[in-house]
Amino acid sequence: MKILMFGRGVIATIYGWALHKAGHDVEFYVRPGRAATYGDAVDLDLLDTRRRMWGRRVVEKWPVRLRETLEPDHDFDLIVLSVSHHRLPEATEFLAPRVGRATVLVFGNIWTEPTAAIGPLPLDRIAWGFPQAGGGFAANGVLRGMLMPSVIFGTLGRPPTDREKAVRQAFRAAGLRIKERPDFRGWLWVHFASDAGLLSQGLRRGSLSELAGSAGDLREGLLTGRELLPLLEARGLDLRRHRVAVLPFRAAWLTAPVLAWLTAHVAVARVSLAAHSDPDAEEPREVCRDTLAEARRLGVPVPRLEAAEPHFARA
């Protein structure tokens, strides 16, 4: 399969590497002028857990192919669109006249209605997924991250189309297990709210990495996430369909010490938080702002998130 990763961010790079190693033809689209800045290789330091529970460390310089143009008559089979949720409108406007014959995998956070979030992209060309990887680029340019053994795919209340099945097979061929979420809209919203809870506490402390090993900070983040559950219900979500996903927030007193121990002693959990160390990162602020704006719009009280607002409010 010929695959275009949209951007050369953390998620695009990690999965681009995994798909390339599985034999797929992978390129990256970057903004004009960025190719020279990025260079023709990525320095990777990854914890790859696809085959071993505790992971295999991969350290290599991976040659990549970058392109700064995308013509409508391209021959890509799949475009992987993994951008911050607040960058999605801009990305979909760019891609809409350039989809060609490709399927577009929307691969990240969404807080609006999914069908509205894709803007002018044709719905029959869309596959929905969510990464199970993370990390960050260090000051020296090295991508330090972690790749989990599974990846999330979902649909909006119907079986996967042939296009969606082909995308799943491409990831399966890369050694990744597929986890299906039939109510993907609901799953995305629960995940977004849980992010807002933990990220708000990370912003209080300076960055998400500061929460590693701290039961008190993790508990506060989980409690903030718990107070967002009524917001999800106010949006029409039936939380009974997502009992497992919301359980850590309902039992924060138990979840927090377990997470603290894991993030202090288990490399897989520690890497996931430790890489998010940039105090000026834009996405955590945007997640918290948009969540708080929705709570205010619907009149749902969220005192913990409001108390954290000074740490993410726009100047």
Foldseek 3Di string as FASTA:
>chain_A
DEEEEEDCFQVSVVVQVLLVVLPYHYAYEDAPPCDVVLDQWAFEFEFEPLPPPQGDTDTDIGGHHYDHDAAQQDDGAEYEYEDQLVCQVVVLVVCQSRCRNYAYEDEDAHADQVVPSSPNHDPVRYWYWYAPKAFAQDPVRYTYIYHHQAIETEDCQDDDDPSNVVVVVSVVSSSHHYDYDHNVRLVSNLVLLLLLLQLLLQLVVQWQLVLALPLVSQLRSLLLSVLCVVLSVLVVDDCVSVCVSNVCSVPSVPNSNVLSCCLVPRPNSVRRRNRGRHSPDQSNLVSLVVSVVSCVVSVRDRVSSVVSCVSRPDD
